[in-house]
Amino acid sequence: MRVRDEFGVVFESERFVAAFAHRGGPSVSPGMLALVSVLQYAERLTDRQAADAVRGRID
């Protein structure tokens, strides 16, 4: 949220729509998923480490 507050929208969802299925239930916006992936890569976190970090911040 701090990244969004500081920089505004970094990735526009419309640029990533083709990469996601059109069926199924609602999900997070494609732009948000792209941003999370970039930040995870920048921090050099595995998927498990990223999930643990999120759980730690929710607590």
PDB file of N, CA and C in Angstrom:
ATOM      1  N   MET A   1       0.820  -1.180   0.000  1.00  0.00           N
ATOM      2  CA  MET A   1       0.000   0.000   0.000  1.00  0.00           C
ATOM      3  C   MET A   1       0.871   1.253   0.000  1.00  0.00           C
ATOM      4  N   ARG A   2       2.016   1.153   0.666  1.00  0.00           N
ATOM      5  CA  ARG A   2       2.899   2.321   0.696  1.00  0.00           C
ATOM      6  C   ARG A   2       3.451   2.637  -0.686  1.00  0.00           C
ATOM      7  N   VAL A   3       3.732   1.601  -1.473  1.00  0.00           N
ATOM      8  CA  VAL A   3       4.223   1.825  -2.838  1.00  0.00           C
ATOM      9  C   VAL A   3       3.154   2.544  -3.638  1.00  0.00           C
ATOM     10  N   ARG A   4       1.909   2.071  -3.544  1.00  0.00           N
ATOM     11  CA  ARG A   4       0.815   2.718  -4.273  1.00  0.00           C
ATOM     12  C   ARG A   4       0.624   4.147  -3.808  1.00  0.00           C
ATOM     13  N   ASP A   5       0.681   4.369  -2.491  1.00  0.00           N
ATOM     14  CA  ASP A   5       0.495   5.721  -1.967  1.00  0.00           C
ATOM     15  C   ASP A   5       1.599   6.663  -2.438  1.00  0.00           C
ATOM     16  N   GLU A   6       2.809   6.126  -2.542  1.00  0.00           N
ATOM     17  CA  GLU A   6       3.949   6.956  -2.938  1.00  0.00           C
ATOM     18  C   GLU A   6       3.996   7.209  -4.445  1.00  0.00           C
ATOM     19  N   PHE A   7       3.766   6.147  -5.230  1.00  0.00           N
ATOM     20  CA  PHE A   7       3.954   6.251  -6.681  1.00  0.00           C
ATOM     21  C   PHE A   7       2.665   6.238  -7.487  1.00  0.00           C
ATOM     22  N   GLY A   8       1.553   5.951  -6.856  1.00  0.00           N
ATOM     23  CA  GLY A   8       0.303   5.815  -7.598  1.00  0.00           C
ATOM     24  C   GLY A   8       0.245   4.446  -8.256  1.00  0.00           C
ATOM     25  N   VAL A   9      -0.543   4.314  -9.300  1.00  0.00           N
ATOM     26  CA  VAL A   9      -0.675   3.040  -9.999  1.00  0.00           C
ATOM     27  C   VAL A   9       0.601   2.780 -10.792  1.00  0.00           C
ATOM     28  N   VAL A  10       1.260   1.661 -10.506  1.00  0.00           N
ATOM     29  CA  VAL A  10       2.513   1.333 -11.179  1.00  0.00           C
ATOM     30  C   VAL A  10       2.240   0.536 -12.446  1.00  0.00           C
ATOM     31  N   PHE A  11       1.373  -0.464 -12.353  1.00  0.00           N
ATOM     32  CA  PHE A  11       1.021  -1.299 -13.495  1.00  0.00           C
ATOM     33  C   PHE A  11      -0.472  -1.171 -13.765  1.00  0.00           C
ATOM     34  N   GLU A  12      -0.824  -0.875 -15.001  1.00  0.00           N
ATOM     35  CA  GLU A  12      -2.222  -0.797 -15.392  1.00  0.00           C
ATOM     36  C   GLU A  12      -2.737  -2.208 -15.646  1.00  0.00           C
ATOM     37  N   SER A  13      -3.868  -2.565 -15.068  1.00  0.00           N
ATOM     38  CA  SER A  13      -4.413  -3.916 -15.200  1.00  0.00           C
ATOM     39  C   SER A  13      -4.708  -4.289 -16.651  1.00  0.00           C
ATOM     40  N   GLU A  14      -5.107  -3.339 -17.453  1.00  0.00           N
ATOM     41  CA  GLU A  14      -5.468  -3.629 -18.833  1.00  0.00           C
ATOM     42  C   GLU A  14      -4.312  -4.260 -19.618  1.00  0.00           C
ATOM     43  N   ARG A  15      -3.086  -3.974 -19.243  1.00  0.00           N
ATOM     44  CA  ARG A  15      -1.927  -4.519 -19.948  1.00  0.00           C
ATOM     45  C   ARG A  15      -1.723  -6.002 -19.651  1.00  0.00           C
ATOM     46  N   PHE A  16      -2.344  -6.527 -18.593  1.00  0.00           N
ATOM     47  CA  PHE A  16      -2.132  -7.899 -18.165  1.00  0.00           C
ATOM     48  C   PHE A  16      -3.372  -8.781 -18.296  1.00  0.00           C
ATOM     49  N   VAL A  17      -4.465  -8.241 -18.768  1.00  0.00           N
ATOM     50  CA  VAL A  17      -5.716  -8.986 -18.833  1.00  0.00           C
ATOM     51  C   VAL A  17      -5.587 -10.246 -19.681  1.00  0.00           C
ATOM     52  N   ALA A  18      -4.871 -10.185 -20.769  1.00  0.00           N
ATOM     53  CA  ALA A  18      -4.748 -11.340 -21.668  1.00  0.00           C
ATOM     54  C   ALA A  18      -4.038 -12.515 -20.998  1.00  0.00           C
ATOM     55  N   ALA A  19      -3.282 -12.286 -19.961  1.00  0.00           N
ATOM     56  CA  ALA A  19      -2.537 -13.348 -19.286  1.00  0.00           C
ATOM     57  C   ALA A  19      -3.393 -14.127 -18.288  1.00  0.00           C
ATOM     58  N   PHE A  20      -4.625 -13.705 -18.057  1.00  0.00           N
ATOM     59  CA  PHE A  20      -5.471 -14.326 -17.052  1.00  0.00           C
ATOM     60  C   PHE A  20      -6.743 -14.874 -17.678  1.00  0.00           C
ATOM     61  N   ALA A  21      -7.249 -15.962 -17.110  1.00  0.00           N
ATOM     62  CA  ALA A  21      -8.461 -16.608 -17.613  1.00  0.00           C
ATOM     63  C   ALA A  21      -9.665 -15.685 -17.442  1.00  0.00           C
ATOM     64  N   HIS A  22     -10.619 -15.861 -18.333  1.00  0.00           N
ATOM     65  CA  HIS A  22     -11.835 -15.052 -18.265  1.00  0.00           C
ATOM     66  C   HIS A  22     -12.942 -15.782 -17.507  1.00  0.00           C
ATOM     67  N   ARG A  23     -12.662 -17.016 -17.062  1.00  0.00           N
ATOM     68  CA  ARG A  23     -13.649 -17.799 -16.320  1.00  0.00           C
ATOM     69  C   ARG A  23     -13.272 -17.808 -14.842  1.00  0.00           C
ATOM     70  N   GLY A  24     -14.209 -18.214 -14.026  1.00  0.00           N
ATOM     71  CA  GLY A  24     -13.921 -18.360 -12.606  1.00  0.00           C
ATOM     72  C   GLY A  24     -14.414 -17.181 -11.793  1.00  0.00           C
ATOM     73  N   GLY A  25     -14.092 -17.245 -10.519  1.00  0.00           N
ATOM     74  CA  GLY A  25     -14.534 -16.211  -9.596  1.00  0.00           C
ATOM     75  C   GLY A  25     -13.670 -14.969  -9.644  1.00  0.00           C
ATOM     76  N   PRO A  26     -14.077 -13.951  -8.921  1.00  0.00           N
ATOM     77  CA  PRO A  26     -13.307 -12.703  -8.890  1.00  0.00           C
ATOM     78  C   PRO A  26     -11.938 -12.915  -8.252  1.00  0.00           C
ATOM     79  N   SER A  27     -11.021 -12.090  -8.636  1.00  0.00           N
ATOM     80  CA  SER A  27      -9.655 -12.221  -8.142  1.00  0.00           C
ATOM     81  C   SER A  27      -9.056 -10.834  -7.945  1.00  0.00           C
ATOM     82  N   VAL A  28      -7.799 -10.821  -7.591  1.00  0.00           N
ATOM     83  CA  VAL A  28      -7.058  -9.569  -7.470  1.00  0.00           C
ATOM     84  C   VAL A  28      -6.785  -9.056  -8.882  1.00  0.00           C
ATOM     85  N   SER A  29      -6.674  -7.761  -9.041  1.00  0.00           N
ATOM     86  CA  SER A  29      -6.449  -7.207 -10.369  1.00  0.00           C
ATOM     87  C   SER A  29      -5.104  -7.685 -10.924  1.00  0.00           C
ATOM     88  N   PRO A  30      -5.029  -7.904 -12.232  1.00  0.00           N
ATOM     89  CA  PRO A  30      -3.774  -8.343 -12.850  1.00  0.00           C
ATOM     90  C   PRO A  30      -2.614  -7.382 -12.589  1.00  0.00           C
ATOM     91  N   GLY A  31      -2.877  -6.094 -12.558  1.00  0.00           N
ATOM     92  CA  GLY A  31      -1.823  -5.121 -12.268  1.00  0.00           C
ATOM     93  C   GLY A  31      -1.256  -5.281 -10.867  1.00  0.00           C
ATOM     94  N   MET A  32      -2.115  -5.574  -9.900  1.00  0.00           N
ATOM     95  CA  MET A  32      -1.673  -5.787  -8.521  1.00  0.00           C
ATOM     96  C   MET A  32      -0.823  -7.051  -8.424  1.00  0.00           C
ATOM     97  N   LEU A  33      -1.229  -8.115  -9.115  1.00  0.00           N
ATOM     98  CA  LEU A  33      -0.440  -9.345  -9.116  1.00  0.00           C
ATOM     99  C   LEU A  33       0.933  -9.115  -9.735  1.00  0.00           C
ATOM    100  N   ALA A  34       0.991  -8.318 -10.799  1.00  0.00           N
ATOM    101  CA  ALA A  34       2.280  -8.011 -11.420  1.00  0.00           C
ATOM    102  C   ALA A  34       3.176  -7.244 -10.452  1.00  0.00           C
ATOM    103  N   LEU A  35       2.618  -6.282  -9.750  1.00  0.00           N
ATOM    104  CA  LEU A  35       3.390  -5.499  -8.788  1.00  0.00           C
ATOM    105  C   LEU A  35       3.922  -6.377  -7.664  1.00  0.00           C
ATOM    106  N   VAL A  36       3.090  -7.270  -7.152  1.00  0.00           N
ATOM    107  CA  VAL A  36       3.512  -8.171  -6.082  1.00  0.00           C
ATOM    108  C   VAL A  36       4.651  -9.055  -6.563  1.00  0.00           C
ATOM    109  N   SER A  37       4.549  -9.568  -7.790  1.00  0.00           N
ATOM    110  CA  SER A  37       5.611 -10.412  -8.345  1.00  0.00           C
ATOM    111  C   SER A  37       6.928  -9.649  -8.471  1.00  0.00           C
ATOM    112  N   VAL A  38       6.863  -8.415  -8.923  1.00  0.00           N
ATOM    113  CA  VAL A  38       8.072  -7.594  -9.073  1.00  0.00           C
ATOM    114  C   VAL A  38       8.702  -7.315  -7.706  1.00  0.00           C
ATOM    115  N   LEU A  39       7.884  -6.967  -6.727  1.00  0.00           N
ATOM    116  CA  LEU A  39       8.412  -6.692  -5.393  1.00  0.00           C
ATOM    117  C   LEU A  39       8.995  -7.945  -4.756  1.00  0.00           C
ATOM    118  N   GLN A  40       8.351  -9.093  -4.967  1.00  0.00           N
ATOM    119  CA  GLN A  40       8.877 -10.351  -4.440  1.00  0.00           C
ATOM    120  C   GLN A  40      10.232 -10.654  -5.064  1.00  0.00           C
ATOM    121  N   TYR A  41      10.358 -10.436  -6.365  1.00  0.00           N
ATOM    122  CA  TYR A  41      11.627 -10.665  -7.054  1.00  0.00           C
ATOM    123  C   TYR A  41      12.699  -9.690  -6.557  1.00  0.00           C
ATOM    124  N   ALA A  42      12.324  -8.436  -6.375  1.00  0.00           N
ATOM    125  CA  ALA A  42      13.280  -7.425  -5.920  1.00  0.00           C
ATOM    126  C   ALA A  42      13.815  -7.744  -4.525  1.00  0.00           C
ATOM    127  N   GLU A  43      12.981  -8.338  -3.692  1.00  0.00           N
ATOM    128  CA  GLU A  43      13.390  -8.702  -2.335  1.00  0.00           C
ATOM    129  C   GLU A  43      14.049 -10.081  -2.286  1.00  0.00           C
ATOM    130  N   ARG A  44      14.080 -10.760  -3.444  1.00  0.00           N
ATOM    131  CA  ARG A  44      14.658 -12.107  -3.553  1.00  0.00           C
ATOM    132  C   ARG A  44      14.012 -13.080  -2.565  1.00  0.00           C
ATOM    133  N   LEU A  45      12.695 -13.063  -2.541  1.00  0.00           N
ATOM    134  CA  LEU A  45      11.942 -13.942  -1.657  1.00  0.00           C
ATOM    135  C   LEU A  45      11.361 -15.114  -2.433  1.00  0.00           C
ATOM    136  N   THR A  46      11.413 -16.295  -1.836  1.00  0.00           N
ATOM    137  CA  THR A  46      10.703 -17.434  -2.412  1.00  0.00           C
ATOM    138  C   THR A  46       9.216 -17.225  -2.153  1.00  0.00           C
ATOM    139  N   ASP A  47       8.385 -18.048  -2.778  1.00  0.00           N
ATOM    140  CA  ASP A  47       6.948 -17.939  -2.538  1.00  0.00           C
ATOM    141  C   ASP A  47       6.633 -18.159  -1.060  1.00  0.00           C
ATOM    142  N   ARG A  48       7.285 -19.133  -0.458  1.00  0.00           N
ATOM    143  CA  ARG A  48       7.039 -19.426   0.956  1.00  0.00           C
ATOM    144  C   ARG A  48       7.471 -18.247   1.837  1.00  0.00           C
ATOM    145  N   GLN A  49       8.625 -17.659   1.554  1.00  0.00           N
ATOM    146  CA  GLN A  49       9.095 -16.519   2.347  1.00  0.00           C
ATOM    147  C   GLN A  49       8.150 -15.327   2.197  1.00  0.00           C
ATOM    148  N   ALA A  50       7.654 -15.098   0.991  1.00  0.00           N
ATOM    149  CA  ALA A  50       6.728 -13.995   0.760  1.00  0.00           C
ATOM    150  C   ALA A  50       5.421 -14.227   1.525  1.00  0.00           C
ATOM    151  N   ALA A  51       4.920 -15.463   1.505  1.00  0.00           N
ATOM    152  CA  ALA A  51       3.688 -15.769   2.244  1.00  0.00           C
ATOM    153  C   ALA A  51       3.914 -15.595   3.741  1.00  0.00           C
ATOM    154  N   ASP A  52       5.054 -16.029   4.251  1.00  0.00           N
ATOM    155  CA  ASP A  52       5.353 -15.848   5.672  1.00  0.00           C
ATOM    156  C   ASP A  52       5.430 -14.365   6.037  1.00  0.00           C
ATOM    157  N   ALA A  53       6.012 -13.558   5.153  1.00  0.00           N
ATOM    158  CA  ALA A  53       6.120 -12.124   5.406  1.00  0.00           C
ATOM    159  C   ALA A  53       4.726 -11.485   5.468  1.00  0.00           C
ATOM    160  N   VAL A  54       3.843 -11.908   4.580  1.00  0.00           N
ATOM    161  CA  VAL A  54       2.471 -11.370   4.590  1.00  0.00           C
ATOM    162  C   VAL A  54       1.763 -11.765   5.871  1.00  0.00           C
ATOM    163  N   ARG A  55       1.889 -13.044   6.247  1.00  0.00           N
ATOM    164  CA  ARG A  55       1.243 -13.488   7.483  1.00  0.00           C
ATOM    165  C   ARG A  55       1.782 -12.718   8.694  1.00  0.00           C
ATOM    166  N   GLY A  56       3.064 -12.445   8.708  1.00  0.00           N
ATOM    167  CA  GLY A  56       3.661 -11.707   9.816  1.00  0.00           C
ATOM    168  C   GLY A  56       3.148 -10.291   9.909  1.00  0.00           C
ATOM    169  N   ARG A  57       2.851  -9.683   8.775  1.00  0.00           N
ATOM    170  CA  ARG A  57       2.352  -8.302   8.784  1.00  0.00           C
ATOM    171  C   ARG A  57       0.870  -8.219   9.098  1.00  0.00           C
ATOM    172  N   ILE A  58       0.138  -9.312   8.790  1.00  0.00           N
ATOM    173  CA  ILE A  58      -1.292  -9.325   9.101  1.00  0.00           C
ATOM    174  C   ILE A  58      -1.492  -9.459  10.609  1.00  0.00           C
ATOM    175  N   ASP A  59      -0.606 -10.226  11.257  1.00  0.00           N
ATOM    176  CA  ASP A  59      -0.716 -10.413  12.704  1.00  0.00           C
ATOM    177  C   ASP A  59      -0.522  -9.080  13.376  1.00  0.00           C
TER     178      ASP A  59
END
